[in-house]
C-alpha atoms as a PDB file:
ATOM      1  CA  MET A   1      34.432 -34.409  -6.114  1.00  0.00           C
ATOM      2  CA  ARG A   2      34.738 -30.766  -7.105  1.00  0.00           C
ATOM      3  CA  TRP A   3      34.977 -27.792  -4.777  1.00  0.00           C
ATOM      4  CA  VAL A   4      31.620 -26.057  -4.247  1.00  0.00           C
ATOM      5  CA  VAL A   5      31.223 -22.906  -2.186  1.00  0.00           C
ATOM      6  CA  VAL A   6      27.862 -22.703  -0.485  1.00  0.00           C
ATOM      7  CA  SER A   7      26.820 -19.165   0.391  1.00  0.00           C
ATOM      8  CA  ASN A   8      23.482 -19.951   2.014  1.00  0.00           C
ATOM      9  CA  HIS A   9      24.483 -22.267   4.849  1.00  0.00           C
ATOM     10  CA  VAL A  10      21.333 -23.120   6.781  1.00  0.00           C
ATOM     11  CA  GLY A  11      22.757 -23.124  10.293  1.00  0.00           C
ATOM     12  CA  VAL A  12      25.386 -24.008  12.811  1.00  0.00           C
ATOM     13  CA  ARG A  13      24.660 -26.198  15.809  1.00  0.00           C
ATOM     14  CA  GLY A  14      24.643 -24.149  19.000  1.00  0.00           C
ATOM     15  CA  ALA A  15      27.011 -26.505  20.799  1.00  0.00           C
ATOM     16  CA  ASP A  16      29.624 -25.959  18.102  1.00  0.00           C
ATOM     17  CA  VAL A  17      29.799 -22.206  18.553  1.00  0.00           C
ATOM     18  CA  ILE A  18      32.556 -20.386  20.414  1.00  0.00           C
ATOM     19  CA  GLY A  19      30.116 -17.486  20.937  1.00  0.00           C
ATOM     20  CA  GLY A  20      26.780 -17.795  22.636  1.00  0.00           C
ATOM     21  CA  VAL A  21      23.003 -17.985  22.486  1.00  0.00           C
ATOM     22  CA  GLY A  22      20.938 -15.258  20.842  1.00  0.00           C
ATOM     23  CA  MET A  23      23.298 -14.573  17.987  1.00  0.00           C
ATOM     24  CA  GLN A  24      22.084 -13.537  14.524  1.00  0.00           C
ATOM     25  CA  THR A  25      23.454 -15.787  11.744  1.00  0.00           C
ATOM     26  CA  TYR A  26      24.138 -14.764   8.159  1.00  0.00           C
ATOM     27  CA  SER A  27      26.152 -16.143   5.247  1.00  0.00           C
ATOM     28  CA  ILE A  28      29.490 -14.698   4.160  1.00  0.00           C
ATOM     29  CA  ASP A  29      30.221 -14.176   0.475  1.00  0.00           C
ATOM     30  CA  ILE A  30      33.995 -14.513   0.768  1.00  0.00           C
ATOM     31  CA  GLU A  31      35.727 -17.688  -0.372  1.00  0.00           C
ATOM     32  CA  PRO A  32      36.593 -19.853   2.660  1.00  0.00           C
ATOM     33  CA  GLN A  33      40.154 -20.207   1.310  1.00  0.00           C
ATOM     34  CA  GLN A  34      40.573 -16.418   1.293  1.00  0.00           C
ATOM     35  CA  ILE A  35      39.391 -16.216   4.913  1.00  0.00           C
ATOM     36  CA  ILE A  36      41.764 -18.946   6.050  1.00  0.00           C
ATOM     37  CA  ASP A  37      44.715 -17.583   4.075  1.00  0.00           C
ATOM     38  CA  TRP A  38      44.094 -14.216   5.720  1.00  0.00           C
ATOM     39  CA  ILE A  39      43.703 -15.585   9.267  1.00  0.00           C
ATOM     40  CA  MET A  40      46.896 -17.653   8.919  1.00  0.00           C
ATOM     41  CA  ALA A  41      48.853 -14.583   7.758  1.00  0.00           C
ATOM     42  CA  GLU A  42      47.261 -12.371  10.428  1.00  0.00           C
ATOM     43  CA  SER A  43      48.130 -14.835  13.191  1.00  0.00           C
ATOM     44  CA  ARG A  44      51.801 -14.373  12.274  1.00  0.00           C
ATOM     45  CA  VAL A  45      51.420 -10.569  12.623  1.00  0.00           C
ATOM     46  CA  ALA A  46      49.108 -10.532  15.686  1.00  0.00           C
ATOM     47  CA  PRO A  47      49.034 -14.029  17.224  1.00  0.00           C
ATOM     48  CA  THR A  48      46.744 -13.173  20.155  1.00  0.00           C
ATOM     49  CA  GLU A  49      44.080 -11.150  18.343  1.00  0.00           C
ATOM     50  CA  PHE A  50      41.831 -14.116  17.517  1.00  0.00           C
ATOM     51  CA  ARG A  51      40.734 -17.374  19.094  1.00  0.00           C
ATOM     52  CA  VAL A  52      40.780 -20.077  16.423  1.00  0.00           C
ATOM     53  CA  SER A  53      39.517 -23.614  16.828  1.00  0.00           C
ATOM     54  CA  ALA A  54      39.425 -26.387  14.204  1.00  0.00           C
ATOM     55  CA  ARG A  55      37.847 -29.819  14.318  1.00  0.00           C
ATOM     56  CA  ARG A  56      37.614 -32.822  12.030  1.00  0.00           C
ATOM     57  CA  ALA A  57      34.926 -35.484  12.214  1.00  0.00           C
ATOM     58  CA  ILE A  58      34.131 -38.557  10.160  1.00  0.00           C
ATOM     59  CA  GLU A  59      30.408 -39.043   9.746  1.00  0.00           C
ATOM     60  CA  SER A  60      28.696 -42.155   8.501  1.00  0.00           C
ATOM     61  CA  ARG A  61      25.360 -41.614   6.820  1.00  0.00           C
ATOM     62  CA  GLU A  62      22.683 -43.812   5.367  1.00  0.00           C
ATOM     63  CA  LEU A  63      23.424 -44.704   1.767  1.00  0.00           C
ATOM     64  CA  PRO A  64      21.122 -42.664  -0.503  1.00  0.00           C
ATOM     65  CA  THR A  65      18.827 -44.555  -2.832  1.00  0.00           C
ATOM     66  CA  ARG A  66      19.958 -43.865  -6.404  1.00  0.00           C
ATOM     67  CA  LYS A  67      19.404 -45.661  -9.670  1.00  0.00           C
ATOM     68  CA  GLU A  68      23.140 -45.890 -10.362  1.00  0.00           C
ATOM     69  CA  PHE A  69      23.571 -47.959  -7.192  1.00  0.00           C
ATOM     70  CA  ARG A  70      22.126 -51.267  -8.326  1.00  0.00           C
ATOM     71  CA  LEU A  71      22.550 -52.965  -5.019  1.00  0.00           C
ATOM     72  CA  GLY A  72      20.672 -55.693  -3.303  1.00  0.00           C
ATOM     73  CA  GLU A  73      19.536 -55.359   0.305  1.00  0.00           C
ATOM     74  CA  GLU A  74      22.605 -57.243   1.607  1.00  0.00           C
ATOM     75  CA  GLU A  75      25.077 -55.032  -0.290  1.00  0.00           C
ATOM     76  CA  ARG A  76      23.256 -51.873   0.883  1.00  0.00           C
ATOM     77  CA  ASP A  77      23.549 -53.076   4.488  1.00  0.00           C
ATOM     78  CA  ASP A  78      27.338 -53.471   4.095  1.00  0.00           C
ATOM     79  CA  LEU A  79      27.899 -50.007   2.599  1.00  0.00           C
ATOM     80  CA  THR A  80      27.813 -46.650   4.338  1.00  0.00           C
ATOM     81  CA  GLU A  81      28.097 -43.122   2.942  1.00  0.00           C
ATOM     82  CA  ILE A  82      31.208 -41.596   4.538  1.00  0.00           C
ATOM     83  CA  ALA A  83      31.910 -37.870   4.867  1.00  0.00           C
ATOM     84  CA  THR A  84      34.671 -35.952   6.578  1.00  0.00           C
ATOM     85  CA  VAL A  85      33.508 -32.668   8.045  1.00  0.00           C
ATOM     86  CA  GLY A  86      35.923 -29.915   8.995  1.00  0.00           C
ATOM     87  CA  THR A  87      34.849 -26.952  11.105  1.00  0.00           C
ATOM     88  CA  LEU A  88      36.973 -23.875  11.704  1.00  0.00           C
ATOM     89  CA  GLN A  89      35.755 -21.174  14.074  1.00  0.00           C
ATOM     90  CA  ILE A  90      37.315 -17.756  14.389  1.00  0.00           C
ATOM     91  CA  ALA A  91      36.379 -15.380  17.191  1.00  0.00           C
ATOM     92  CA  PRO A  92      37.936 -12.252  18.628  1.00  0.00           C
ATOM     93  CA  ALA A  93      40.216 -12.602  21.632  1.00  0.00           C
ATOM     94  CA  HIS A  94      37.782 -10.380  23.542  1.00  0.00           C
ATOM     95  CA  VAL A  95      34.562 -12.377  23.912  1.00  0.00           C
ATOM     96  CA  ALA A  96      32.632  -9.125  24.468  1.00  0.00           C
ATOM     97  CA  ASP A  97      33.254  -8.216  20.797  1.00  0.00           C
ATOM     98  CA  GLY A  98      30.351 -10.582  20.126  1.00  0.00           C
ATOM     99  CA  TRP A  99      30.996 -12.358  16.841  1.00  0.00           C
ATOM    100  CA  VAL A 100      32.028 -15.759  15.503  1.00  0.00           C
ATOM    101  CA  LEU A 101      33.011 -16.678  11.954  1.00  0.00           C
ATOM    102  CA  THR A 102      32.557 -20.368  11.075  1.00  0.00           C
ATOM    103  CA  ILE A 103      33.801 -22.257   8.036  1.00  0.00           C
ATOM    104  CA  VAL A 104      32.424 -25.738   7.416  1.00  0.00           C
ATOM    105  CA  VAL A 105      33.751 -28.073   4.714  1.00  0.00           C
ATOM    106  CA  GLU A 106      32.052 -31.392   3.955  1.00  0.00           C
ATOM    107  CA  ASP A 107      33.958 -33.862   1.828  1.00  0.00           C
ATOM    108  CA  GLU A 108      31.951 -36.967   0.968  1.00  0.00           C
ATOM    109  CA  PHE A 109      34.014 -40.039   0.204  1.00  0.00           C
ATOM    110  CA  GLY A 110      31.025 -41.898  -1.193  1.00  0.00           C
ATOM    111  CA  PRO A 111      29.787 -45.394  -0.411  1.00  0.00           C
ATOM    112  CA  ARG A 112      32.292 -47.597   1.388  1.00  0.00           C
ATOM    113  CA  ILE A 113      32.482 -50.489   3.740  1.00  0.00           C
ATOM    114  CA  LEU A 114      33.135 -48.847   7.075  1.00  0.00           C
ATOM    115  CA  ASP A 115      36.116 -50.387   8.854  1.00  0.00           C
ATOM    116  CA  GLU A 116      36.180 -50.662  12.632  1.00  0.00           C
ATOM    117  CA  SER A 117      38.739 -47.884  13.190  1.00  0.00           C
ATOM    118  CA  GLU A 118      36.595 -45.402  11.204  1.00  0.00           C
ATOM    119  CA  ALA A 119      33.435 -46.501  12.994  1.00  0.00           C
ATOM    120  CA  THR A 120      34.919 -45.680  16.390  1.00  0.00           C
ATOM    121  CA  GLU A 121      36.693 -42.458  15.402  1.00  0.00           C
ATOM    122  CA  THR A 122      35.186 -39.371  17.019  1.00  0.00           C
ATOM    123  CA  GLU A 123      35.574 -35.694  16.431  1.00  0.00           C
ATOM    124  CA  GLN A 124      39.117 -34.514  16.980  1.00  0.00           C
ATOM    125  CA  GLU A 125      40.659 -31.099  17.402  1.00  0.00           C
ATOM    126  CA  ILE A 126      43.212 -30.156  14.740  1.00  0.00           C
ATOM    127  CA  ASP A 127      45.320 -27.064  14.150  1.00  0.00           C
ATOM    128  CA  VAL A 128      44.698 -24.482  11.434  1.00  0.00           C
ATOM    129  CA  ASP A 129      47.502 -25.822   9.217  1.00  0.00           C
ATOM    130  CA  ALA A 130      45.995 -29.322   9.339  1.00  0.00           C
ATOM    131  CA  PHE A 131      42.544 -27.886   8.561  1.00  0.00           C
ATOM    132  CA  TYR A 132      44.010 -26.131   5.535  1.00  0.00           C
ATOM    133  CA  ASP A 133      45.852 -29.245   4.342  1.00  0.00           C
ATOM    134  CA  LEU A 134      42.856 -31.562   4.817  1.00  0.00           C
ATOM    135  CA  PHE A 135      39.979 -29.376   3.670  1.00  0.00           C
ATOM    136  CA  ILE A 136      41.022 -26.174   1.886  1.00  0.00           C
ATOM    137  CA  GLY A 137      44.102 -27.134  -0.133  1.00  0.00           C
ATOM    138  CA  PRO A 138      42.484 -30.110  -1.932  1.00  0.00           C
ATOM    139  CA  ARG A 139      39.455 -27.934  -2.950  1.00  0.00           C
ATOM    140  CA  ARG A 140      37.040 -30.857  -2.692  1.00  0.00           C
ATOM    141  CA  GLY A 141      33.599 -30.973  -1.176  1.00  0.00           C
ATOM    142  CA  ASN A 142      31.200 -28.244  -0.133  1.00  0.00           C
ATOM    143  CA  ALA A 143      32.466 -25.227   1.782  1.00  0.00           C
ATOM    144  CA  SER A 144      30.445 -22.556   3.534  1.00  0.00           C
ATOM    145  CA  ALA A 145      31.198 -19.563   5.687  1.00  0.00           C
ATOM    146  CA  VAL A 146      28.725 -18.082   8.138  1.00  0.00           C
ATOM    147  CA  ALA A 147      28.948 -15.317  10.696  1.00  0.00           C
ATOM    148  CA  GLU A 148      27.152 -14.974  13.980  1.00  0.00           C
ATOM    149  CA  VAL A 149      26.878 -11.627  15.724  1.00  0.00           C
ATOM    150  CA  GLU A 150      25.358 -10.494  19.011  1.00  0.00           C
ATOM    151  CA  GLY A 151      24.062  -7.139  17.816  1.00  0.00           C
ATOM    152  CA  PRO A 152      24.716  -4.112  15.615  1.00  0.00           C
ATOM    153  CA  ASP A 153      28.051  -3.184  17.257  1.00  0.00           C
ATOM    154  CA  ALA A 154      29.391  -6.719  16.796  1.00  0.00           C
ATOM    155  CA  LYS A 155      28.125  -6.779  13.222  1.00  0.00           C
ATOM    156  CA  GLU A 156      29.946  -3.495  12.509  1.00  0.00           C
ATOM    157  CA  ARG A 157      33.208  -4.865  13.972  1.00  0.00           C
ATOM    158  CA  LEU A 158      32.877  -8.043  11.914  1.00  0.00           C
ATOM    159  CA  THR A 159      32.000  -6.066   8.769  1.00  0.00           C
ATOM    160  CA  ARG A 160      35.254  -4.090   9.139  1.00  0.00           C
ATOM    161  CA  LEU A 161      37.169  -7.338   9.603  1.00  0.00           C
ATOM    162  CA  LEU A 162      35.568  -8.895   6.512  1.00  0.00           C
ATOM    163  CA  LYS A 163      36.519  -5.810   4.493  1.00  0.00           C
ATOM    164  CA  ASP A 164      40.127  -6.237   5.719  1.00  0.00           C
ATOM    165  CA  ILE A 165      39.998  -9.876   4.619  1.00  0.00           C
ATOM    166  CA  GLU A 166      38.635  -8.926   1.184  1.00  0.00           C
ATOM    167  CA  MET A 167      41.298  -6.233   0.753  1.00  0.00           C
ATOM    168  CA  ASP A 168      44.001  -8.480   2.284  1.00  0.00           C
ATOM    169  CA  ARG A 169      45.001  -5.823   4.832  1.00  0.00           C
ATOM    170  CA  HIS A 170      47.021  -6.919   7.861  1.00  0.00           C
ATOM    171  CA  GLY A 171      48.330  -5.414  11.095  1.00  0.00           C
ATOM    172  CA  SER A 172      48.539  -1.631  11.159  1.00  0.00           C
ATOM    173  CA  SER A 173      47.155  -1.287   7.618  1.00  0.00           C
ATOM    174  CA  ARG A 174      43.779  -2.698   8.689  1.00  0.00           C
ATOM    175  CA  GLY A 175      40.800  -0.371   8.562  1.00  0.00           C
ATOM    176  CA  GLY A 176      39.003   0.949  11.640  1.00  0.00           C
ATOM    177  CA  PRO A 177      39.644   0.358  15.303  1.00  0.00           C
ATOM    178  CA  PRO A 178      40.814  -3.158  16.194  1.00  0.00           C
ATOM    179  CA  ARG A 179      37.744  -3.840  18.319  1.00  0.00           C
END
């Protein structure tokens, strides 16, 4: 499967958000890899400036009906569409700053017979390096980046941060006030 960047992500489940209710959501037009490369480098310069959380989940889905799958009812019952979904959330250390940046990568494995260990596996927390190795480095699947902000001040702070990410500025060379 090839790497596809989705810039119009439809939404993020409320329970998955580090931030809170009442946040405005919009898509980010920066490559997810660029965001993660930047946050990994920035965490070496200023390790306490951001709260970062990463999760990995295996999802089983109903097998889609396609002509190329010439399967009988029994074969269709044995097969399941499997996808691994990685979610990385980045938020400021100060919750009052009011923004969350979320990267979601879906990597579909395709139809498979689901073994018992996969069927019982639940969402698990992983570190940023593991997220990068599993989801960003291979450049497979669909990746999206969305931001959620709690108002114009939070949006301005996040806009400055996104400009720093685009320009690859770190530490004291970053633009604007830190908060």
